[in-house]
Amino acid sequence: QVQLVESGGDLVQVGGSLRLSCAASGNIFRFNIMGWYRQAPGKQRELVATITSGGSTNVADSVKGRFTISRDNAKSTVYLQMNSLKPEDTAVYYCRYENPYAATYSWGQGTQVTVSS
């Protein structure tokens, strides 16, 4: 079992920046995929960005060029740097850990990001 603790969500104005962090603990497999998803009110949860333990990334077109995902394997932590925030970025952001070999995954509790115009 892997536990995830997110932090960094806040209320920010349009054009502002935030940095989300997600620290993983527990039975972390060396080869894993960590990522960020978000869910806005009344909408389905959607992928924002993922990063493998080797550093390969996948970023949604809607945030490409504005959001950057990174990780520190020594700290088992993944980050999401969000710049040029828009009102449509308002959502609860969830961290996800996946062990692709065991086909198991864990979710964090979510952190609220609100972009005010």
C-alpha atoms as a PDB file:
ATOM      1  CA  GLN A   1       0.000   0.000   0.000  1.00  0.00           C
ATOM      2  CA  VAL A   2       1.214   3.482  -0.925  1.00  0.00           C
ATOM      3  CA  GLN A   3       0.013   6.615   0.816  1.00  0.00           C
ATOM      4  CA  LEU A   4      -0.005   9.996  -0.905  1.00  0.00           C
ATOM      5  CA  VAL A   5      -0.149  13.408   0.715  1.00  0.00           C
ATOM      6  CA  GLU A   6      -0.749  16.441  -1.491  1.00  0.00           C
ATOM      7  CA  SER A   7      -0.146  20.066  -0.656  1.00  0.00           C
ATOM      8  CA  GLY A   8       0.024  23.449  -2.342  1.00  0.00           C
ATOM      9  CA  GLY A   9      -3.535  24.076  -3.433  1.00  0.00           C
ATOM     10  CA  ASP A  10      -4.763  27.622  -2.947  1.00  0.00           C
ATOM     11  CA  LEU A  11      -6.825  30.509  -4.272  1.00  0.00           C
ATOM     12  CA  VAL A  12      -4.925  32.428  -6.937  1.00  0.00           C
ATOM     13  CA  GLN A  13      -5.741  35.129  -9.464  1.00  0.00           C
ATOM     14  CA  VAL A  14      -5.794  34.643 -13.208  1.00  0.00           C
ATOM     15  CA  GLY A  15      -2.271  34.557 -14.574  1.00  0.00           C
ATOM     16  CA  GLY A  16      -0.802  33.493 -11.265  1.00  0.00           C
ATOM     17  CA  SER A  17       1.272  30.454 -10.367  1.00  0.00           C
ATOM     18  CA  LEU A  18       1.091  27.597  -7.906  1.00  0.00           C
ATOM     19  CA  ARG A  19       3.247  24.599  -7.137  1.00  0.00           C
ATOM     20  CA  LEU A  20       1.640  21.392  -5.984  1.00  0.00           C
ATOM     21  CA  SER A  21       3.566  18.692  -4.150  1.00  0.00           C
ATOM     22  CA  CYS A  22       2.731  15.057  -3.521  1.00  0.00           C
ATOM     23  CA  ALA A  23       4.788  12.933  -1.154  1.00  0.00           C
ATOM     24  CA  ALA A  24       4.509   9.165  -1.379  1.00  0.00           C
ATOM     25  CA  SER A  25       5.239   6.716   1.414  1.00  0.00           C
ATOM     26  CA  GLY A  26       4.844   3.019   2.027  1.00  0.00           C
ATOM     27  CA  ASN A  27       5.582   0.145  -0.326  1.00  0.00           C
ATOM     28  CA  ILE A  28       6.944   2.152  -3.252  1.00  0.00           C
ATOM     29  CA  PHE A  29       8.061   0.108  -6.211  1.00  0.00           C
ATOM     30  CA  ARG A  30      11.224   1.347  -7.860  1.00  0.00           C
ATOM     31  CA  PHE A  31       9.624   1.545 -11.303  1.00  0.00           C
ATOM     32  CA  ASN A  32       6.437   3.556 -11.036  1.00  0.00           C
ATOM     33  CA  ILE A  33       4.356   6.267 -12.607  1.00  0.00           C
ATOM     34  CA  MET A  34       3.180   9.269 -10.638  1.00  0.00           C
ATOM     35  CA  GLY A  35       0.859  11.909 -11.888  1.00  0.00           C
ATOM     36  CA  TRP A  36      -1.710  14.584 -11.398  1.00  0.00           C
ATOM     37  CA  TYR A  37      -5.366  14.456 -12.312  1.00  0.00           C
ATOM     38  CA  ARG A  38      -8.060  17.021 -11.723  1.00  0.00           C
ATOM     39  CA  GLN A  39     -11.795  17.113 -11.329  1.00  0.00           C
ATOM     40  CA  ALA A  40     -13.889  20.224 -11.742  1.00  0.00           C
ATOM     41  CA  PRO A  41     -17.453  20.431 -10.390  1.00  0.00           C
ATOM     42  CA  GLY A  42     -19.821  18.434 -12.559  1.00  0.00           C
ATOM     43  CA  LYS A  43     -17.042  17.042 -14.717  1.00  0.00           C
ATOM     44  CA  GLN A  44     -15.145  13.788 -14.910  1.00  0.00           C
ATOM     45  CA  ARG A  45     -11.688  13.412 -13.488  1.00  0.00           C
ATOM     46  CA  GLU A  46      -9.099  14.081 -16.186  1.00  0.00           C
ATOM     47  CA  LEU A  47      -5.397  13.556 -16.624  1.00  0.00           C
ATOM     48  CA  VAL A  48      -3.181  16.599 -16.201  1.00  0.00           C
ATOM     49  CA  ALA A  49       0.299  15.116 -16.367  1.00  0.00           C
ATOM     50  CA  THR A  50       2.232  11.972 -15.507  1.00  0.00           C
ATOM     51  CA  ILE A  51       5.890  11.179 -15.036  1.00  0.00           C
ATOM     52  CA  THR A  52       7.662   7.831 -14.837  1.00  0.00           C
ATOM     53  CA  SER A  53      10.407   7.011 -12.386  1.00  0.00           C
ATOM     54  CA  GLY A  54      12.749   7.355 -15.363  1.00  0.00           C
ATOM     55  CA  GLY A  55      11.573  10.890 -16.048  1.00  0.00           C
ATOM     56  CA  SER A  56       9.364  10.413 -19.110  1.00  0.00           C
ATOM     57  CA  THR A  57       6.404  12.766 -19.058  1.00  0.00           C
ATOM     58  CA  ASN A  58       2.949  12.956 -20.553  1.00  0.00           C
ATOM     59  CA  VAL A  59       1.146  16.302 -20.386  1.00  0.00           C
ATOM     60  CA  ALA A  60      -2.422  17.101 -21.373  1.00  0.00           C
ATOM     61  CA  ASP A  61      -2.791  19.460 -24.324  1.00  0.00           C
ATOM     62  CA  SER A  62      -4.934  21.815 -22.240  1.00  0.00           C
ATOM     63  CA  VAL A  63      -2.021  22.610 -19.920  1.00  0.00           C
ATOM     64  CA  LYS A  64       0.960  22.038 -22.182  1.00  0.00           C
ATOM     65  CA  GLY A  65       3.338  24.985 -22.083  1.00  0.00           C
ATOM     66  CA  ARG A  66       1.870  26.231 -18.792  1.00  0.00           C
ATOM     67  CA  PHE A  67       2.244  23.275 -16.407  1.00  0.00           C
ATOM     68  CA  THR A  68       5.404  21.307 -15.704  1.00  0.00           C
ATOM     69  CA  ILE A  69       5.592  17.999 -13.879  1.00  0.00           C
ATOM     70  CA  SER A  70       8.753  16.879 -12.129  1.00  0.00           C
ATOM     71  CA  ARG A  71       9.809  14.473  -9.432  1.00  0.00           C
ATOM     72  CA  ASP A  72      12.468  13.839  -6.837  1.00  0.00           C
ATOM     73  CA  ASN A  73      12.910  10.087  -6.559  1.00  0.00           C
ATOM     74  CA  ALA A  74      15.063  10.387  -3.455  1.00  0.00           C
ATOM     75  CA  LYS A  75      12.149  12.079  -1.699  1.00  0.00           C
ATOM     76  CA  SER A  76       9.433  10.029  -3.430  1.00  0.00           C
ATOM     77  CA  THR A  77       7.780  13.331  -4.290  1.00  0.00           C
ATOM     78  CA  VAL A  78       6.181  14.612  -7.463  1.00  0.00           C
ATOM     79  CA  TYR A  79       5.568  18.275  -8.221  1.00  0.00           C
ATOM     80  CA  LEU A  80       3.287  20.203 -10.535  1.00  0.00           C
ATOM     81  CA  GLN A  81       4.373  23.724 -11.368  1.00  0.00           C
ATOM     82  CA  MET A  82       1.381  25.607 -12.707  1.00  0.00           C
ATOM     83  CA  ASN A  83       1.906  28.952 -14.447  1.00  0.00           C
ATOM     84  CA  SER A  84      -0.406  31.295 -16.315  1.00  0.00           C
ATOM     85  CA  LEU A  85      -3.395  29.879 -14.483  1.00  0.00           C
ATOM     86  CA  LYS A  86      -6.840  30.269 -15.993  1.00  0.00           C
ATOM     87  CA  PRO A  87     -10.320  30.049 -14.433  1.00  0.00           C
ATOM     88  CA  GLU A  88     -10.835  26.733 -16.226  1.00  0.00           C
ATOM     89  CA  ASP A  89      -7.930  25.288 -14.218  1.00  0.00           C
ATOM     90  CA  THR A  90     -10.131  25.493 -11.122  1.00  0.00           C
ATOM     91  CA  ALA A  91     -10.549  21.964  -9.790  1.00  0.00           C
ATOM     92  CA  VAL A  92      -9.577  19.513  -7.117  1.00  0.00           C
ATOM     93  CA  TYR A  93      -6.167  18.151  -8.064  1.00  0.00           C
ATOM     94  CA  TYR A  94      -5.405  14.552  -7.189  1.00  0.00           C
ATOM     95  CA  CYS A  95      -2.067  12.825  -7.052  1.00  0.00           C
ATOM     96  CA  ARG A  96      -1.855   9.246  -8.330  1.00  0.00           C
ATOM     97  CA  TYR A  97       0.758   6.552  -7.887  1.00  0.00           C
ATOM     98  CA  GLU A  98       0.815   3.531 -10.168  1.00  0.00           C
ATOM     99  CA  ASN A  99       2.826   0.338 -10.134  1.00  0.00           C
ATOM    100  CA  PRO A 100       2.481  -0.722 -13.777  1.00  0.00           C
ATOM    101  CA  TYR A 101       3.907  -4.190 -13.134  1.00  0.00           C
ATOM    102  CA  ALA A 102       1.455  -5.089 -10.397  1.00  0.00           C
ATOM    103  CA  ALA A 103      -1.368  -3.069 -11.969  1.00  0.00           C
ATOM    104  CA  THR A 104      -2.025  -1.331  -8.671  1.00  0.00           C
ATOM    105  CA  TYR A 105      -2.515   2.347  -7.933  1.00  0.00           C
ATOM    106  CA  SER A 106      -3.268   4.773  -5.121  1.00  0.00           C
ATOM    107  CA  TRP A 107      -4.919   8.195  -4.980  1.00  0.00           C
ATOM    108  CA  GLY A 108      -4.248  11.140  -2.739  1.00  0.00           C
ATOM    109  CA  GLN A 109      -7.018  12.975  -0.933  1.00  0.00           C
ATOM    110  CA  GLY A 110      -6.956  15.923  -3.328  1.00  0.00           C
ATOM    111  CA  THR A 111      -6.059  19.578  -3.010  1.00  0.00           C
ATOM    112  CA  GLN A 112      -8.259  22.462  -4.154  1.00  0.00           C
ATOM    113  CA  VAL A 113      -7.006  24.928  -6.736  1.00  0.00           C
ATOM    114  CA  THR A 114      -9.219  27.926  -7.382  1.00  0.00           C
ATOM    115  CA  VAL A 115      -8.368  30.502 -10.024  1.00  0.00           C
ATOM    116  CA  SER A 116     -10.250  33.742  -9.559  1.00  0.00           C
ATOM    117  CA  SER A 117     -10.914  36.274 -12.265  1.00  0.00           C
END
